N, C-alpha and C. Protein backbone atom coordinates (compact mmCIF):
# COMPACT_ATOMS: atom_id res chain seq x y z
N MET A 1 0.79 -1.21 0.00
CA MET A 1 0.00 0.00 0.00
C MET A 1 0.83 1.27 0.00
N MET A 2 2.13 1.17 0.18
CA MET A 2 2.93 2.39 0.23
C MET A 2 3.98 2.37 -0.87
N ALA A 3 4.21 3.54 -1.41
CA ALA A 3 5.20 3.69 -2.47
C ALA A 3 6.60 3.56 -1.89
N ALA A 4 7.54 3.36 -2.76
CA ALA A 4 8.94 3.28 -2.32
C ALA A 4 9.34 4.58 -1.65
N LYS A 5 10.08 4.47 -0.57
CA LYS A 5 10.48 5.65 0.18
C LYS A 5 11.79 6.20 -0.34
N GLY A 6 11.78 7.47 -0.65
CA GLY A 6 13.00 8.15 -1.03
C GLY A 6 13.34 9.14 0.07
N LYS A 7 14.57 9.61 0.09
CA LYS A 7 14.98 10.55 1.14
C LYS A 7 14.13 11.81 1.15
N ASN A 8 13.75 12.29 -0.04
CA ASN A 8 12.98 13.53 -0.13
C ASN A 8 11.52 13.28 -0.47
N SER A 9 11.07 12.04 -0.33
CA SER A 9 9.71 11.75 -0.76
C SER A 9 8.69 12.42 0.16
N LYS A 10 7.64 12.86 -0.45
CA LYS A 10 6.52 13.45 0.29
C LYS A 10 5.55 12.33 0.64
N ARG A 11 4.82 12.53 1.74
CA ARG A 11 3.83 11.54 2.18
C ARG A 11 2.50 12.23 2.40
N VAL A 12 1.44 11.53 2.02
CA VAL A 12 0.09 12.04 2.25
C VAL A 12 -0.70 10.97 3.00
N LEU A 13 -1.50 11.43 3.95
CA LEU A 13 -2.44 10.55 4.65
C LEU A 13 -3.81 10.79 4.03
N ILE A 14 -4.41 9.73 3.49
CA ILE A 14 -5.75 9.82 2.91
C ILE A 14 -6.71 9.17 3.88
N ILE A 15 -7.67 9.97 4.37
CA ILE A 15 -8.69 9.45 5.28
C ILE A 15 -10.00 9.47 4.50
N GLU A 16 -10.39 8.30 4.02
CA GLU A 16 -11.51 8.18 3.09
C GLU A 16 -12.11 6.78 3.23
N ASP A 17 -13.44 6.69 3.35
CA ASP A 17 -14.06 5.37 3.52
C ASP A 17 -14.52 4.75 2.20
N ASP A 18 -14.47 5.49 1.11
CA ASP A 18 -14.83 4.96 -0.21
C ASP A 18 -13.59 4.26 -0.78
N VAL A 19 -13.60 2.93 -0.77
CA VAL A 19 -12.44 2.14 -1.16
C VAL A 19 -12.02 2.43 -2.60
N PHE A 20 -12.98 2.54 -3.50
CA PHE A 20 -12.67 2.82 -4.91
C PHE A 20 -11.97 4.17 -5.05
N LEU A 21 -12.50 5.18 -4.39
CA LEU A 21 -11.92 6.52 -4.46
C LEU A 21 -10.54 6.54 -3.81
N MET A 22 -10.39 5.86 -2.67
CA MET A 22 -9.10 5.82 -1.99
C MET A 22 -8.04 5.20 -2.91
N LYS A 23 -8.40 4.12 -3.60
CA LYS A 23 -7.47 3.46 -4.51
C LYS A 23 -7.11 4.39 -5.67
N ALA A 24 -8.10 5.11 -6.20
CA ALA A 24 -7.84 6.05 -7.29
C ALA A 24 -6.86 7.14 -6.84
N TYR A 25 -7.07 7.68 -5.63
CA TYR A 25 -6.14 8.68 -5.08
C TYR A 25 -4.75 8.08 -4.92
N GLU A 26 -4.70 6.86 -4.37
CA GLU A 26 -3.41 6.21 -4.13
C GLU A 26 -2.61 6.09 -5.44
N ILE A 27 -3.25 5.61 -6.48
CA ILE A 27 -2.57 5.43 -7.77
C ILE A 27 -2.06 6.77 -8.29
N ARG A 28 -2.90 7.80 -8.24
CA ARG A 28 -2.49 9.11 -8.77
C ARG A 28 -1.35 9.72 -7.96
N PHE A 29 -1.43 9.63 -6.62
CA PHE A 29 -0.35 10.17 -5.79
C PHE A 29 0.95 9.42 -6.05
N GLU A 30 0.89 8.09 -6.10
CA GLU A 30 2.10 7.30 -6.32
C GLU A 30 2.70 7.60 -7.69
N ASN A 31 1.86 7.86 -8.69
CA ASN A 31 2.37 8.25 -10.02
C ASN A 31 3.11 9.58 -9.96
N GLU A 32 2.81 10.39 -8.96
CA GLU A 32 3.48 11.69 -8.76
C GLU A 32 4.67 11.57 -7.81
N GLY A 33 4.96 10.34 -7.38
CA GLY A 33 6.10 10.12 -6.49
C GLY A 33 5.80 10.39 -5.02
N VAL A 34 4.54 10.43 -4.66
CA VAL A 34 4.13 10.71 -3.28
C VAL A 34 3.78 9.40 -2.59
N GLU A 35 4.37 9.18 -1.43
CA GLU A 35 4.06 8.00 -0.63
C GLU A 35 2.67 8.17 -0.03
N VAL A 36 1.89 7.09 -0.02
CA VAL A 36 0.52 7.15 0.44
C VAL A 36 0.33 6.30 1.70
N VAL A 37 -0.32 6.92 2.69
CA VAL A 37 -0.74 6.22 3.90
C VAL A 37 -2.25 6.36 3.92
N MET A 38 -2.96 5.25 4.19
CA MET A 38 -4.42 5.30 4.10
C MET A 38 -5.10 4.91 5.40
N ALA A 39 -6.25 5.52 5.62
CA ALA A 39 -7.11 5.19 6.76
C ALA A 39 -8.56 5.24 6.27
N ALA A 40 -9.30 4.17 6.52
CA ALA A 40 -10.68 4.10 6.05
C ALA A 40 -11.69 4.61 7.08
N ASP A 41 -11.21 4.88 8.30
CA ASP A 41 -12.11 5.41 9.33
C ASP A 41 -11.29 6.15 10.39
N ALA A 42 -11.99 6.71 11.36
CA ALA A 42 -11.33 7.53 12.38
C ALA A 42 -10.34 6.72 13.22
N ASP A 43 -10.68 5.47 13.52
CA ASP A 43 -9.77 4.66 14.34
C ASP A 43 -8.44 4.44 13.62
N GLU A 44 -8.50 4.12 12.32
CA GLU A 44 -7.27 3.94 11.56
C GLU A 44 -6.49 5.25 11.46
N ALA A 45 -7.22 6.36 11.32
CA ALA A 45 -6.56 7.67 11.25
C ALA A 45 -5.85 7.98 12.56
N ARG A 46 -6.49 7.70 13.68
CA ARG A 46 -5.87 7.95 14.99
C ARG A 46 -4.59 7.15 15.16
N LYS A 47 -4.55 5.93 14.62
CA LYS A 47 -3.33 5.13 14.68
C LYS A 47 -2.22 5.83 13.91
N GLN A 48 -2.56 6.45 12.78
CA GLN A 48 -1.56 7.17 11.99
C GLN A 48 -1.07 8.41 12.74
N PHE A 49 -1.96 9.03 13.52
CA PHE A 49 -1.59 10.23 14.27
C PHE A 49 -0.53 9.93 15.33
N SER A 50 -0.38 8.66 15.70
CA SER A 50 0.64 8.30 16.68
C SER A 50 2.00 8.07 16.01
N LYS A 51 2.02 8.17 14.68
CA LYS A 51 3.26 7.96 13.92
C LYS A 51 3.78 9.29 13.40
N LYS A 52 4.84 9.20 12.61
CA LYS A 52 5.45 10.40 12.03
C LYS A 52 4.44 11.13 11.15
N PRO A 53 4.33 12.46 11.30
CA PRO A 53 3.38 13.22 10.49
C PRO A 53 3.69 13.14 8.99
N THR A 54 2.65 13.25 8.20
CA THR A 54 2.79 13.29 6.75
C THR A 54 2.91 14.75 6.31
N ASN A 55 3.09 14.97 5.01
CA ASN A 55 3.22 16.33 4.47
C ASN A 55 1.87 16.98 4.20
N ALA A 56 0.82 16.17 4.17
CA ALA A 56 -0.54 16.67 3.97
C ALA A 56 -1.53 15.57 4.34
N VAL A 57 -2.77 15.99 4.60
CA VAL A 57 -3.85 15.05 4.89
C VAL A 57 -5.01 15.38 3.96
N LEU A 58 -5.52 14.35 3.30
CA LEU A 58 -6.72 14.46 2.48
C LEU A 58 -7.84 13.85 3.31
N LEU A 59 -8.81 14.64 3.70
CA LEU A 59 -9.81 14.22 4.69
C LEU A 59 -11.23 14.28 4.15
N ASP A 60 -11.90 13.13 4.18
CA ASP A 60 -13.32 13.06 3.88
C ASP A 60 -14.07 13.40 5.18
N LEU A 61 -15.23 14.01 5.06
CA LEU A 61 -15.99 14.37 6.26
C LEU A 61 -16.97 13.28 6.69
N MET A 62 -17.48 12.54 5.73
CA MET A 62 -18.49 11.52 6.03
C MET A 62 -17.81 10.18 6.27
N LEU A 63 -17.39 9.96 7.51
CA LEU A 63 -16.70 8.74 7.89
C LEU A 63 -17.58 7.93 8.84
N PRO A 64 -17.41 6.61 8.87
CA PRO A 64 -18.19 5.82 9.82
C PRO A 64 -17.78 6.15 11.26
N GLY A 65 -18.76 6.37 12.10
CA GLY A 65 -18.48 6.60 13.53
C GLY A 65 -18.18 8.03 13.90
N THR A 66 -17.07 8.55 13.47
CA THR A 66 -16.63 9.89 13.84
C THR A 66 -16.61 10.76 12.58
N SER A 67 -17.11 11.97 12.70
CA SER A 67 -17.10 12.85 11.53
C SER A 67 -15.69 13.37 11.26
N GLY A 68 -15.45 13.74 10.01
CA GLY A 68 -14.18 14.34 9.65
C GLY A 68 -13.91 15.61 10.42
N PHE A 69 -14.98 16.36 10.74
CA PHE A 69 -14.82 17.59 11.52
C PHE A 69 -14.21 17.27 12.89
N GLU A 70 -14.75 16.23 13.54
CA GLU A 70 -14.24 15.83 14.86
C GLU A 70 -12.78 15.38 14.76
N LEU A 71 -12.48 14.61 13.73
CA LEU A 71 -11.12 14.12 13.52
C LEU A 71 -10.16 15.28 13.27
N LEU A 72 -10.60 16.26 12.51
CA LEU A 72 -9.77 17.44 12.24
C LEU A 72 -9.46 18.18 13.54
N GLN A 73 -10.47 18.34 14.39
CA GLN A 73 -10.26 19.00 15.69
C GLN A 73 -9.23 18.24 16.52
N GLU A 74 -9.34 16.92 16.54
CA GLU A 74 -8.40 16.10 17.30
C GLU A 74 -6.98 16.28 16.75
N MET A 75 -6.86 16.20 15.43
CA MET A 75 -5.54 16.27 14.81
C MET A 75 -4.86 17.61 15.09
N LYS A 76 -5.62 18.69 15.05
CA LYS A 76 -5.04 20.03 15.22
C LYS A 76 -4.55 20.27 16.65
N LYS A 77 -4.86 19.35 17.57
CA LYS A 77 -4.37 19.47 18.95
C LYS A 77 -3.09 18.66 19.17
N LEU A 78 -2.69 17.89 18.17
CA LEU A 78 -1.55 16.98 18.34
C LEU A 78 -0.24 17.62 17.90
N GLU A 79 0.74 17.54 18.76
CA GLU A 79 2.08 18.04 18.44
C GLU A 79 2.58 17.30 17.21
N GLY A 80 3.17 18.01 16.30
CA GLY A 80 3.68 17.39 15.08
C GLY A 80 2.65 17.35 13.96
N TRP A 81 1.40 17.14 14.31
CA TRP A 81 0.33 17.06 13.30
C TRP A 81 -0.41 18.38 13.14
N LYS A 82 -0.37 19.24 14.14
CA LYS A 82 -1.21 20.44 14.10
C LYS A 82 -0.88 21.38 12.95
N ASP A 83 0.36 21.33 12.44
CA ASP A 83 0.74 22.21 11.33
C ASP A 83 0.69 21.53 9.96
N VAL A 84 0.25 20.27 9.94
CA VAL A 84 0.14 19.55 8.66
C VAL A 84 -1.07 20.10 7.90
N PRO A 85 -0.89 20.50 6.63
CA PRO A 85 -2.02 21.02 5.85
C PRO A 85 -3.08 19.94 5.64
N VAL A 86 -4.33 20.29 5.92
CA VAL A 86 -5.45 19.39 5.73
C VAL A 86 -6.32 19.93 4.61
N ILE A 87 -6.61 19.08 3.64
CA ILE A 87 -7.49 19.44 2.54
C ILE A 87 -8.72 18.55 2.69
N ILE A 88 -9.85 19.16 2.93
CA ILE A 88 -11.10 18.41 3.05
C ILE A 88 -11.62 18.14 1.64
N VAL A 89 -12.04 16.89 1.42
CA VAL A 89 -12.67 16.50 0.16
C VAL A 89 -13.98 15.83 0.55
N SER A 90 -15.09 16.47 0.21
CA SER A 90 -16.38 15.99 0.68
C SER A 90 -17.47 16.29 -0.34
N ASN A 91 -18.57 15.56 -0.21
CA ASN A 91 -19.75 15.89 -1.00
C ASN A 91 -20.63 16.89 -0.27
N LEU A 92 -20.29 17.20 0.97
CA LEU A 92 -21.02 18.25 1.71
C LEU A 92 -20.60 19.58 1.09
N SER A 93 -21.55 20.27 0.48
CA SER A 93 -21.18 21.49 -0.24
C SER A 93 -21.86 22.74 0.28
N GLN A 94 -22.50 22.64 1.44
CA GLN A 94 -23.15 23.81 2.03
C GLN A 94 -22.10 24.81 2.50
N ASP A 95 -22.39 26.09 2.38
CA ASP A 95 -21.47 27.13 2.83
C ASP A 95 -21.06 26.93 4.28
N LYS A 96 -22.01 26.50 5.12
CA LYS A 96 -21.71 26.33 6.55
C LYS A 96 -20.69 25.21 6.77
N ASP A 97 -20.76 24.15 5.96
CA ASP A 97 -19.79 23.06 6.08
C ASP A 97 -18.40 23.54 5.68
N ILE A 98 -18.33 24.29 4.59
CA ILE A 98 -17.05 24.82 4.11
C ILE A 98 -16.46 25.77 5.16
N ALA A 99 -17.31 26.64 5.71
CA ALA A 99 -16.85 27.59 6.73
C ALA A 99 -16.36 26.85 7.97
N THR A 100 -17.08 25.81 8.39
CA THR A 100 -16.68 25.03 9.56
C THR A 100 -15.32 24.37 9.32
N GLY A 101 -15.15 23.76 8.16
CA GLY A 101 -13.88 23.10 7.84
C GLY A 101 -12.71 24.06 7.90
N LYS A 102 -12.88 25.24 7.33
CA LYS A 102 -11.79 26.21 7.32
C LYS A 102 -11.54 26.77 8.72
N LYS A 103 -12.62 26.97 9.47
CA LYS A 103 -12.48 27.47 10.85
C LYS A 103 -11.71 26.47 11.72
N LEU A 104 -11.90 25.19 11.45
CA LEU A 104 -11.21 24.15 12.22
C LEU A 104 -9.77 23.93 11.76
N GLY A 105 -9.37 24.61 10.68
CA GLY A 105 -7.97 24.55 10.30
C GLY A 105 -7.65 23.96 8.94
N ALA A 106 -8.66 23.57 8.17
CA ALA A 106 -8.38 23.05 6.83
C ALA A 106 -7.86 24.18 5.94
N VAL A 107 -6.85 23.87 5.11
CA VAL A 107 -6.29 24.89 4.21
C VAL A 107 -7.08 24.98 2.91
N ASP A 108 -7.89 23.95 2.64
CA ASP A 108 -8.72 23.97 1.44
C ASP A 108 -9.90 23.06 1.65
N TYR A 109 -10.96 23.27 0.86
CA TYR A 109 -12.17 22.47 0.93
C TYR A 109 -12.60 22.21 -0.50
N ILE A 110 -12.58 20.95 -0.88
CA ILE A 110 -12.90 20.56 -2.25
C ILE A 110 -14.19 19.75 -2.25
N VAL A 111 -15.14 20.16 -3.07
CA VAL A 111 -16.39 19.42 -3.23
C VAL A 111 -16.12 18.31 -4.25
N LYS A 112 -16.26 17.06 -3.82
CA LYS A 112 -15.90 15.90 -4.66
C LYS A 112 -16.51 15.97 -6.05
N ALA A 113 -17.78 16.32 -6.12
CA ALA A 113 -18.48 16.29 -7.41
C ALA A 113 -17.94 17.31 -8.40
N ASP A 114 -17.22 18.31 -7.91
CA ASP A 114 -16.74 19.39 -8.78
C ASP A 114 -15.35 19.16 -9.36
N PHE A 115 -14.63 18.13 -8.91
CA PHE A 115 -13.25 17.95 -9.32
C PHE A 115 -12.95 16.49 -9.65
N ARG A 116 -12.07 16.27 -10.61
CA ARG A 116 -11.59 14.93 -10.94
C ARG A 116 -10.48 14.55 -9.96
N VAL A 117 -10.21 13.27 -9.85
CA VAL A 117 -9.18 12.75 -8.94
C VAL A 117 -7.84 13.43 -9.20
N GLY A 118 -7.45 13.54 -10.45
CA GLY A 118 -6.17 14.16 -10.79
C GLY A 118 -6.08 15.60 -10.34
N GLU A 119 -7.18 16.33 -10.44
CA GLU A 119 -7.20 17.73 -10.00
C GLU A 119 -7.06 17.82 -8.48
N VAL A 120 -7.70 16.91 -7.77
CA VAL A 120 -7.60 16.87 -6.30
C VAL A 120 -6.15 16.59 -5.91
N VAL A 121 -5.55 15.60 -6.55
CA VAL A 121 -4.17 15.22 -6.23
C VAL A 121 -3.23 16.40 -6.47
N GLN A 122 -3.36 17.07 -7.59
CA GLN A 122 -2.50 18.23 -7.88
C GLN A 122 -2.72 19.35 -6.85
N GLY A 123 -3.97 19.55 -6.43
CA GLY A 123 -4.26 20.55 -5.43
C GLY A 123 -3.61 20.24 -4.09
N VAL A 124 -3.64 18.95 -3.71
CA VAL A 124 -3.03 18.53 -2.45
C VAL A 124 -1.51 18.70 -2.53
N ILE A 125 -0.92 18.25 -3.62
CA ILE A 125 0.54 18.36 -3.78
C ILE A 125 0.99 19.81 -3.68
N SER A 126 0.21 20.72 -4.24
CA SER A 126 0.58 22.14 -4.21
C SER A 126 0.58 22.72 -2.81
N LYS A 127 -0.13 22.06 -1.88
CA LYS A 127 -0.23 22.58 -0.51
C LYS A 127 0.66 21.83 0.48
N MET A 128 1.42 20.84 0.00
CA MET A 128 2.27 20.06 0.90
C MET A 128 3.40 20.88 1.47
N LYS A 129 3.71 20.60 2.72
CA LYS A 129 4.83 21.27 3.39
C LYS A 129 6.11 20.56 3.06
């Protein structure tokens, strides 16, 4: 599930419960030379938070059990992870959802239906630290 590690390789954590979409993101990121770490739910994401931070997080809001908003709040309190750029990718497109995501610390909010996988990947790469 992870690309070959290079000394300067970038890493992204994808938190997404749609297996097909997660795989599509993984392939596109790896084609760009970005190492991919994946979590299908909040519990898997929390396990990643105990490890070395990635260069960016791609976060879905509609996750089983815990919402992406809650997970974002948790992550922003963690040393090492609080400065990692988070890009929300969701089908929730209400202004209030977008405002909430940005208020909680997301650097961008992408409505899934409005962008192709490749466009999302390029947007995330452009925001990596």
